[in-house]
Amino acid sequence: MQSTLRTWNDYLKHNDHKNKIIKETKHSHFRSQMHELSNELKSIWRFAKWVRIESQLLKKLSQFSSLKSDDFNHTANLFEEKTEMLQKKFFLSSSQTDISDILKSFILLTVAFNAVLSQDEMRQMIQWIKVDKASDAFKISNKVLQMNLMKLTSILISLFNVCVIHKYYLKQFKKTQMIVLHKSKKSDYIDSKMYQFIVLLDIMNKALKSIMIRRLNDIAETHHMFSNAQMRTRRKWFMISALNLLVDQVHAVWDCKIKYVIFMLSLDIINAFNCVLHIRLLHTLRMKKTLNYIVEWIRSFLKNRELSLTFNKQTSSMRWINIDISQRFFISSILFLFFNASLIKKCKALEIKIEVLNFVDDINILIYDRITKSICKMLSRAHDVCVKWTQTHDATFASEKYEFTHFIRKSKRFNMMTSLCIENSVVKLKSDV
């Protein structure tokens, strides 16, 4: 489904209606619980005690146990050892990446765009930032910036314009504090894979990144730099768009006179955002005719970053990291759409009946034909293209997360007992994922 102003307004309307229903349901549930408690003397006094004492207490943070490396050959017991292991886990990198095509390529001319920030642009971005979120490392809430908007606008415009014009990202903004947390409902936390993180950023840092990524998004949409198969974080594109596009593609095949069966292979990139190859990303932005000042600003944004990890009530010293394309940031999702755009193009270039649906780091390849064995061979070819792409983009697909499913109306016409052989492993066909 092509996103239009009408579909966007419909989405906002239905989303507001959904939130209203959820709020009313929660309110009704709370009232019914209070009614049940009021009928039992012991229950109401137990609830009153919880309100007075336990509800006021902060939730206790669980302590981190010893951590084992991925190969289980090394155990980290000390805080510094755990910090080193978690950093390597969150920010993997490889030096075995083929970038020979970048050295041989040439840079195309960029499109025209005004680099100077306006007051309206600044006010709109500051108001757009959500209030009452987690404060930054300086304990300053987003609400402070909004409350002092009139006084700070001219100061921030002067500061941000210098950064944009000189293509420079402030050193202070490159310092990041990460809070490491357990993943919920896991049986064993000795493996470093069982942890995730949240990031605390400076509020002015958020405002500047929001402005720049909005500009990049405007340029990309205006000049059609993204494929319609690429989803998420694009303006007026949302989760339902991806589902509608998938349904439309399936029904388009089903409506053909020739009866086809559709197979879909779903791939997931490991640590996609944290392993983006800088030189490849910047090269892609230039080849897409992105403005030079934005490309150079992003280059400054990516390099020489510092990071501290906080867990077990301790904070590590600042450490140098080579990447800051984190899934938690809106800027990261937009940049990743540029990063993997060539993968979508290469898959579609195959001379087979293929459709590709990309939801940032999730790649879904649909191939249809009358013979299931032929589809498996074509999917194998498409997978080979994806693997070859990873060799030049420092990426890796999680083979254990491969999903192989079908879309069919009458299964008796086709051989549905088939399976897909990829990289010496067999992926079994499923009816749902």
Protein backbone atom coordinates (compact mmCIF):
# COMPACT_ATOMS: atom_id res chain seq x y z
CA MET A 1 0.00 0.00 0.00
CA GLN A 2 1.48 3.33 -1.07
CA SER A 3 1.59 5.78 1.84
CA THR A 4 -0.42 8.96 1.19
CA LEU A 5 -1.69 11.86 3.28
CA ARG A 6 -5.08 10.17 3.51
CA THR A 7 -3.69 6.82 4.70
CA TRP A 8 -1.44 8.64 7.19
CA ASN A 9 -4.39 10.56 8.65
CA ASP A 10 -6.41 7.33 8.82
CA TYR A 11 -3.54 5.69 10.67
CA LEU A 12 -3.34 8.54 13.20
CA LYS A 13 -7.10 8.47 13.71
CA HIS A 14 -7.21 4.71 14.33
CA ASN A 15 -4.10 4.86 16.51
CA ASP A 16 -5.74 7.51 18.73
CA HIS A 17 -8.88 5.37 18.91
CA LYS A 18 -6.79 2.33 19.91
CA ASN A 19 -5.02 4.28 22.66
CA LYS A 20 -8.37 5.55 23.96
CA ILE A 21 -9.75 2.00 24.15
CA ILE A 22 -6.61 0.78 25.97
CA LYS A 23 -6.85 3.62 28.48
CA GLU A 24 -10.55 2.97 29.15
CA THR A 25 -9.92 -0.79 29.51
CA LYS A 26 -7.12 -0.23 32.03
CA HIS A 27 -9.30 2.18 33.98
CA SER A 28 -12.18 -0.28 34.03
CA HIS A 29 -9.88 -3.12 35.11
CA PHE A 30 -8.47 -1.04 37.97
CA ARG A 31 -11.96 -0.12 39.19
CA SER A 32 -13.08 -3.77 39.13
CA GLN A 33 -10.00 -4.81 41.12
CA MET A 34 -10.68 -2.10 43.70
CA HIS A 35 -14.26 -3.32 43.96
CA GLU A 36 -13.11 -6.91 44.60
CA LEU A 37 -10.60 -5.77 47.23
CA SER A 38 -13.21 -3.72 49.05
CA ASN A 39 -15.30 -6.85 49.61
CA GLU A 40 -12.50 -8.61 51.52
CA LEU A 41 -11.13 -7.04 54.69
CA LYS A 42 -7.72 -8.77 54.59
CA SER A 43 -7.18 -7.92 50.94
CA ILE A 44 -7.90 -4.22 51.32
CA TRP A 45 -5.50 -3.89 54.28
CA ARG A 46 -2.79 -5.81 52.36
CA PHE A 47 -3.23 -3.43 49.43
CA ALA A 48 -3.10 -0.38 51.73
CA LYS A 49 0.18 -1.63 53.21
CA TRP A 50 1.65 -2.09 49.72
CA VAL A 51 0.65 1.48 48.76
CA ARG A 52 2.25 2.97 51.90
CA ILE A 53 5.51 1.02 51.77
CA GLU A 54 6.42 -1.12 48.76
CA SER A 55 4.94 1.08 46.01
CA GLN A 56 7.24 3.93 47.06
CA LEU A 57 10.40 1.89 46.81
CA LEU A 58 12.54 1.73 43.70
CA LYS A 59 12.79 -1.65 42.05
CA LYS A 60 15.97 -3.42 43.12
CA LEU A 61 18.52 -3.86 40.38
CA SER A 62 19.66 -7.43 40.01
CA GLN A 63 23.39 -8.06 40.34
CA PHE A 64 25.36 -9.33 37.36
CA SER A 65 26.81 -12.80 37.72
CA SER A 66 30.06 -13.92 36.13
CA LEU A 67 29.98 -13.72 32.34
CA LYS A 68 31.27 -16.25 29.84
CA SER A 69 32.48 -15.47 26.33
CA ASP A 70 30.68 -16.79 23.25
CA ASP A 71 33.01 -19.79 23.02
CA PHE A 72 32.78 -20.33 26.83
CA ASN A 73 36.60 -20.42 27.05
CA HIS A 74 36.88 -17.27 29.14
CA THR A 75 35.04 -16.17 32.28
CA ALA A 76 34.78 -12.52 33.39
CA ASN A 77 34.47 -12.01 37.14
CA LEU A 78 35.79 -8.50 37.75
CA PHE A 79 33.91 -5.33 36.74
CA GLU A 80 36.53 -4.29 34.16
CA GLU A 81 36.55 -7.77 32.61
CA LYS A 82 32.77 -7.74 32.30
CA THR A 83 32.89 -4.25 30.78
CA GLU A 84 35.39 -5.39 28.15
CA MET A 85 33.31 -8.46 27.28
CA LEU A 86 30.02 -6.54 27.03
CA GLN A 87 31.59 -3.84 24.86
CA LYS A 88 32.91 -6.45 22.44
CA LYS A 89 29.48 -8.09 22.40
CA PHE A 90 27.57 -4.86 21.69
CA PHE A 91 30.07 -3.48 19.16
CA LEU A 92 31.45 -6.26 17.03
CA SER A 93 33.67 -5.38 14.09
CA SER A 94 35.60 -7.21 11.41
CA SER A 95 38.64 -6.20 9.38
CA GLN A 96 38.05 -8.84 6.64
CA THR A 97 35.78 -6.62 4.53
CA ASP A 98 36.16 -6.12 0.79
CA ILE A 99 36.07 -2.37 -0.03
CA SER A 100 37.86 -2.53 -3.37
CA ASP A 101 34.78 -1.29 -5.23
CA ILE A 102 34.79 1.93 -3.18
CA LEU A 103 38.36 2.75 -4.21
CA LYS A 104 37.45 2.34 -7.90
CA SER A 105 34.21 4.35 -7.85
CA PHE A 106 33.61 8.03 -8.55
CA ILE A 107 31.40 10.50 -6.69
CA LEU A 108 28.31 11.95 -8.34
CA LEU A 109 27.09 15.55 -8.01
CA THR A 110 24.86 16.34 -5.05
CA VAL A 111 21.42 17.92 -5.02
CA ALA A 112 20.86 21.52 -3.91
CA PHE A 113 19.70 22.30 -0.37
CA ASN A 114 20.01 25.15 2.14
CA ALA A 115 22.43 24.38 4.99
CA VAL A 116 21.46 27.17 7.42
CA LEU A 117 19.00 26.27 10.20
CA SER A 118 15.92 28.45 10.72
CA GLN A 119 14.19 29.37 13.99
CA ASP A 120 11.02 27.53 12.97
CA GLU A 121 13.03 24.39 12.27
CA MET A 122 14.71 24.62 15.66
CA ARG A 123 11.48 25.22 17.61
CA GLN A 124 9.69 22.40 15.80
CA MET A 125 12.45 19.90 16.61
CA ILE A 126 12.68 20.86 20.29
CA GLN A 127 8.92 20.59 20.69
CA TRP A 128 8.99 17.23 18.87
CA ILE A 129 11.36 15.69 21.45
CA LYS A 130 9.36 13.76 24.05
CA VAL A 131 9.33 15.17 27.57
CA ASP A 132 9.77 13.28 30.85
CA LYS A 133 12.11 10.72 29.28
CA ALA A 134 15.24 9.45 31.04
CA SER A 135 17.60 12.33 31.77
CA ASP A 136 21.07 12.52 30.24
CA ALA A 137 24.41 12.04 31.98
CA PHE A 138 24.11 15.62 33.31
CA LYS A 139 20.72 14.81 34.93
CA ILE A 140 18.91 17.32 32.68
CA SER A 141 15.41 16.42 31.50
CA ASN A 142 14.09 17.12 28.00
CA LYS A 143 11.40 19.23 29.63
CA VAL A 144 14.00 21.83 30.68
CA LEU A 145 14.81 22.58 27.05
CA GLN A 146 11.15 22.99 26.13
CA MET A 147 10.36 25.23 29.12
CA ASN A 148 13.20 27.60 28.15
CA LEU A 149 12.60 27.39 24.42
CA MET A 150 12.22 31.16 23.80
CA LYS A 151 15.43 32.01 25.64
CA LEU A 152 17.54 29.22 24.17
CA THR A 153 16.42 29.24 20.52
CA SER A 154 18.84 31.94 19.28
CA ILE A 155 21.76 30.43 21.24
CA LEU A 156 21.13 26.92 19.93
CA ILE A 157 20.71 28.16 16.34
CA SER A 158 24.11 29.88 16.49
CA LEU A 159 25.74 26.76 17.94
CA PHE A 160 24.07 24.30 15.56
CA ASN A 161 24.71 26.44 12.46
CA VAL A 162 28.43 26.49 13.25
CA CYS A 163 28.37 22.68 13.58
CA VAL A 164 26.48 22.25 10.29
CA ILE A 165 28.42 24.78 8.21
CA HIS A 166 31.79 23.50 9.42
CA LYS A 167 30.61 19.86 9.18
CA TYR A 168 31.64 19.25 12.78
CA TYR A 169 30.04 17.20 15.55
CA LEU A 170 30.81 18.52 19.02
CA LYS A 171 33.21 16.40 21.06
CA GLN A 172 30.96 16.68 24.11
CA PHE A 173 28.08 15.12 22.13
CA LYS A 174 30.25 12.10 21.30
CA LYS A 175 30.28 10.92 24.91
CA THR A 176 27.67 8.24 25.52
CA GLN A 177 26.52 6.55 28.71
CA MET A 178 25.03 3.08 28.32
CA ILE A 179 22.99 1.32 31.00
CA VAL A 180 23.32 -2.48 30.72
CA LEU A 181 20.21 -4.48 31.64
CA HIS A 182 19.16 -8.12 31.74
CA LYS A 183 16.92 -9.33 28.95
CA SER A 184 13.63 -10.39 30.48
CA LYS A 185 12.55 -14.00 31.00
CA LYS A 186 15.90 -15.65 30.34
CA SER A 187 16.91 -18.78 32.23
CA ASP A 188 20.67 -18.19 32.41
CA TYR A 189 22.47 -14.83 32.56
CA ILE A 190 26.02 -16.17 32.45
CA ASP A 191 26.05 -15.67 28.65
CA SER A 192 26.78 -12.09 27.50
CA LYS A 193 24.07 -12.50 24.85
CA MET A 194 21.46 -12.27 27.61
CA TYR A 195 22.05 -8.53 28.10
CA GLN A 196 20.84 -5.40 26.35
CA PHE A 197 21.42 -1.68 26.85
CA ILE A 198 19.74 1.70 26.90
CA VAL A 199 21.54 4.92 26.02
CA LEU A 200 21.45 8.27 27.81
CA LEU A 201 22.12 11.21 25.49
CA ASP A 202 22.56 14.93 25.96
CA ILE A 203 19.28 16.74 25.17
CA MET A 204 20.96 19.22 22.80
CA ASN A 205 22.62 16.27 21.12
CA LYS A 206 19.14 14.81 20.50
CA ALA A 207 17.87 18.11 19.06
CA LEU A 208 20.80 18.48 16.62
CA LYS A 209 20.58 14.86 15.43
CA SER A 210 16.81 15.20 14.98
CA ILE A 211 17.25 18.24 12.74
CA MET A 212 19.94 16.65 10.59
CA ILE A 213 18.15 13.35 10.16
CA ARG A 214 14.90 15.13 9.28
CA ARG A 215 16.79 16.94 6.52
CA LEU A 216 18.33 13.70 5.30
CA ASN A 217 14.91 12.04 5.33
CA ASP A 218 13.36 14.94 3.37
CA ILE A 219 16.09 14.71 0.72
CA ALA A 220 15.73 10.92 0.48
CA GLU A 221 11.94 11.03 0.07
CA THR A 222 11.99 13.99 -2.34
CA HIS A 223 14.55 12.36 -4.64
CA HIS A 224 13.19 8.77 -4.22
CA MET A 225 16.40 7.36 -2.72
CA PHE A 226 14.55 4.57 -0.91
CA SER A 227 12.75 1.64 -2.47
CA ASN A 228 9.07 1.10 -1.63
CA ALA A 229 10.19 -2.25 -0.21
CA GLN A 230 12.13 -0.48 2.57
CA MET A 231 10.15 0.18 5.74
CA ARG A 232 10.35 1.74 9.22
CA THR A 233 11.16 5.28 10.45
CA ARG A 234 10.21 6.77 7.09
CA ARG A 235 7.63 9.50 7.33
CA LYS A 236 4.08 8.21 6.76
CA TRP A 237 5.35 4.63 6.67
CA PHE A 238 4.52 2.34 9.55
CA MET A 239 4.27 -1.33 10.52
CA ILE A 240 0.89 -1.79 8.88
CA SER A 241 2.42 -0.59 5.59
CA ALA A 242 4.81 -3.55 5.60
CA LEU A 243 1.98 -6.01 6.28
CA ASN A 244 -0.25 -4.45 3.61
CA LEU A 245 2.59 -4.57 1.07
CA LEU A 246 3.15 -8.26 1.85
CA VAL A 247 -0.58 -9.04 1.48
CA ASP A 248 -0.77 -7.08 -1.79
CA GLN A 249 2.23 -8.96 -3.19
CA VAL A 250 0.77 -12.33 -2.27
CA HIS A 251 -2.67 -11.55 -3.72
CA ALA A 252 -1.12 -10.18 -6.92
CA VAL A 253 0.53 -13.57 -7.48
CA TRP A 254 -2.62 -15.48 -6.50
CA ASP A 255 -4.71 -13.50 -9.00
CA CYS A 256 -2.56 -14.64 -11.95
CA LYS A 257 -4.12 -17.08 -14.39
CA ILE A 258 -1.23 -19.47 -13.82
CA LYS A 259 -1.40 -21.06 -10.38
CA TYR A 260 1.78 -20.29 -8.44
CA VAL A 261 3.03 -21.20 -4.98
CA ILE A 262 4.90 -18.52 -2.98
CA PHE A 263 7.83 -19.27 -0.68
CA MET A 264 9.35 -16.65 1.64
CA LEU A 265 12.79 -16.76 3.24
CA SER A 266 13.24 -14.38 6.19
CA LEU A 267 16.76 -13.30 7.16
CA ASP A 268 17.96 -11.32 10.17
CA ILE A 269 21.27 -9.43 10.39
CA ILE A 270 23.26 -9.99 13.60
CA ASN A 271 23.93 -6.77 15.56
CA ALA A 272 22.99 -4.89 12.42
CA PHE A 273 23.10 -1.34 13.77
CA ASN A 274 26.23 -1.80 15.88
CA CYS A 275 28.34 -3.21 13.04
CA VAL A 276 27.77 -0.70 10.26
CA LEU A 277 30.92 -0.16 8.22
CA HIS A 278 31.56 3.60 8.20
CA ILE A 279 33.40 3.84 4.91
CA ARG A 280 30.67 1.81 3.18
CA LEU A 281 27.87 3.95 4.64
CA LEU A 282 29.54 7.24 3.65
CA HIS A 283 30.24 5.87 0.16
CA THR A 284 26.57 4.88 -0.24
CA LEU A 285 25.41 8.34 0.86
CA ARG A 286 27.65 9.96 -1.74
CA MET A 287 26.54 7.60 -4.49
CA LYS A 288 22.94 8.50 -3.60
CA LYS A 289 23.86 12.17 -4.32
CA THR A 290 23.43 13.18 -0.69
CA LEU A 291 24.58 16.69 0.16
CA ASN A 292 28.29 16.94 0.92
CA TYR A 293 27.79 18.91 4.15
CA ILE A 294 25.45 16.20 5.50
CA VAL A 295 27.85 13.41 4.51
CA GLU A 296 30.79 15.17 6.16
CA TRP A 297 28.71 15.95 9.26
CA ILE A 298 27.77 12.26 9.52
CA ARG A 299 31.45 11.34 9.11
CA SER A 300 32.28 13.61 12.07
CA PHE A 301 29.31 12.18 13.99
CA LEU A 302 30.57 8.59 13.57
CA LYS A 303 34.26 8.89 14.42
CA ASN A 304 36.16 9.23 17.72
CA ARG A 305 33.27 8.38 20.02
CA GLU A 306 33.56 7.61 23.73
CA LEU A 307 31.45 5.23 25.76
CA SER A 308 30.93 4.31 29.41
CA LEU A 309 29.00 1.27 30.64
CA THR A 310 26.93 1.31 33.84
CA PHE A 311 25.83 -1.85 35.67
CA ASN A 312 26.05 -3.28 39.20
CA LYS A 313 25.89 0.32 40.50
CA GLN A 314 29.27 1.03 38.88
CA THR A 315 30.25 3.11 35.86
CA SER A 316 33.29 2.33 33.76
CA SER A 317 35.75 4.90 32.52
CA MET A 318 35.28 6.36 29.04
CA ARG A 319 36.31 3.97 26.26
CA TRP A 320 36.85 4.61 22.58
CA ILE A 321 34.42 2.88 20.23
CA ASN A 322 34.39 2.76 16.46
CA ILE A 323 30.64 2.86 15.95
CA ASP A 324 27.51 4.69 17.08
CA ILE A 325 24.71 3.39 14.89
CA SER A 326 22.50 2.14 17.68
CA GLN A 327 19.05 0.70 17.09
CA ARG A 328 17.68 2.99 19.79
CA PHE A 329 18.24 6.12 17.66
CA PHE A 330 16.00 7.38 14.87
CA ILE A 331 19.10 8.58 12.99
CA SER A 332 20.46 5.02 12.98
CA SER A 333 17.38 3.52 11.31
CA ILE A 334 17.46 6.07 8.48
CA LEU A 335 21.18 5.59 7.91
CA PHE A 336 20.73 1.81 7.90
CA LEU A 337 18.14 2.12 5.12
CA PHE A 338 20.87 3.75 3.03
CA PHE A 339 23.38 1.12 4.14
CA ASN A 340 21.38 -1.91 2.97
CA ALA A 341 19.71 -0.31 -0.09
CA SER A 342 22.19 -2.04 -2.40
CA LEU A 343 21.14 -5.44 -1.03
CA ILE A 344 17.53 -4.86 -2.09
CA LYS A 345 18.71 -3.71 -5.53
CA LYS A 346 20.94 -6.76 -6.05
CA CYS A 347 18.20 -9.20 -5.06
CA LYS A 348 15.70 -7.59 -7.42
CA ALA A 349 18.28 -7.65 -10.22
CA LEU A 350 18.12 -11.46 -10.32
CA GLU A 351 16.27 -12.65 -13.42
CA ILE A 352 13.70 -14.63 -11.44
CA LYS A 353 10.18 -14.06 -10.10
CA ILE A 354 11.24 -12.33 -6.89
CA GLU A 355 9.93 -9.67 -4.46
CA VAL A 356 11.84 -8.27 -1.50
CA LEU A 357 10.42 -6.74 1.68
CA ASN A 358 12.91 -4.96 3.96
CA PHE A 359 12.05 -3.86 7.51
CA VAL A 360 15.42 -2.24 8.37
CA ASP A 361 17.59 -5.24 9.41
CA ASP A 362 14.99 -7.91 8.53
CA ILE A 363 15.10 -9.10 4.92
CA ASN A 364 12.16 -11.09 3.51
CA ILE A 365 12.61 -12.67 0.07
CA LEU A 366 9.49 -13.86 -1.76
CA ILE A 367 9.82 -16.10 -4.84
CA TYR A 368 6.95 -17.71 -6.72
CA ASP A 369 6.78 -20.46 -9.33
CA ARG A 370 4.77 -23.57 -10.27
CA ILE A 371 7.42 -26.03 -9.05
CA THR A 372 8.58 -25.99 -5.42
CA LYS A 373 11.98 -27.46 -6.22
CA SER A 374 12.65 -24.59 -8.65
CA ILE A 375 11.70 -22.05 -5.96
CA CYS A 376 14.19 -23.60 -3.54
CA LYS A 377 16.97 -23.30 -6.14
CA MET A 378 16.07 -19.64 -6.77
CA LEU A 379 15.96 -18.92 -3.04
CA SER A 380 19.39 -20.46 -2.73
CA ARG A 381 20.65 -18.13 -5.49
CA ALA A 382 19.11 -15.13 -3.72
CA HIS A 383 20.72 -16.21 -0.45
CA ASP A 384 24.11 -16.43 -2.18
CA VAL A 385 23.65 -12.81 -3.31
CA CYS A 386 22.88 -11.80 0.28
CA VAL A 387 25.97 -13.60 1.60
CA LYS A 388 28.15 -11.93 -1.03
CA TRP A 389 26.72 -8.56 0.06
CA THR A 390 27.73 -9.25 3.68
CA GLN A 391 31.35 -9.77 2.60
CA THR A 392 31.54 -6.17 1.37
CA HIS A 393 29.44 -4.64 4.17
CA ASP A 394 30.89 -6.30 7.31
CA ALA A 395 27.54 -7.93 8.13
CA THR A 396 26.45 -11.43 9.15
CA PHE A 397 23.09 -13.19 8.93
CA ALA A 398 21.89 -15.21 11.94
CA SER A 399 21.42 -18.67 10.41
CA GLU A 400 19.57 -19.90 13.51
CA LYS A 401 16.90 -17.25 12.88
CA TYR A 402 16.17 -18.20 9.26
CA GLU A 403 12.45 -18.68 8.64
CA PHE A 404 11.09 -20.49 5.59
CA THR A 405 7.34 -20.29 4.99
CA HIS A 406 4.77 -20.54 2.20
CA PHE A 407 1.66 -18.73 0.96
CA ILE A 408 -0.73 -20.99 -0.89
CA ARG A 409 -4.47 -21.50 -1.37
CA LYS A 410 -4.56 -25.19 -2.29
CA SER A 411 -1.60 -27.17 -1.00
CA LYS A 412 -2.58 -30.44 -2.76
CA ARG A 413 -1.37 -29.06 -6.09
CA PHE A 414 2.24 -28.70 -4.90
CA ASN A 415 4.90 -30.66 -3.09
CA MET A 416 4.86 -29.07 0.39
CA MET A 417 7.30 -31.57 1.93
CA THR A 418 10.28 -29.73 0.48
CA SER A 419 13.04 -28.06 2.50
CA LEU A 420 15.74 -25.49 1.77
CA CYS A 421 19.44 -26.38 1.96
CA ILE A 422 21.62 -23.38 2.81
CA GLU A 423 25.24 -23.38 4.00
CA ASN A 424 25.24 -27.08 4.91
CA SER A 425 22.07 -26.70 6.98
CA VAL A 426 18.44 -27.52 6.26
CA VAL A 427 15.66 -24.97 6.81
CA LYS A 428 12.28 -26.68 7.09
CA LEU A 429 9.17 -25.25 5.45
CA LYS A 430 6.57 -23.84 7.85
CA SER A 431 2.98 -22.73 7.40
CA ASP A 432 3.53 -19.68 9.65
CA VAL A 433 6.32 -17.71 11.32
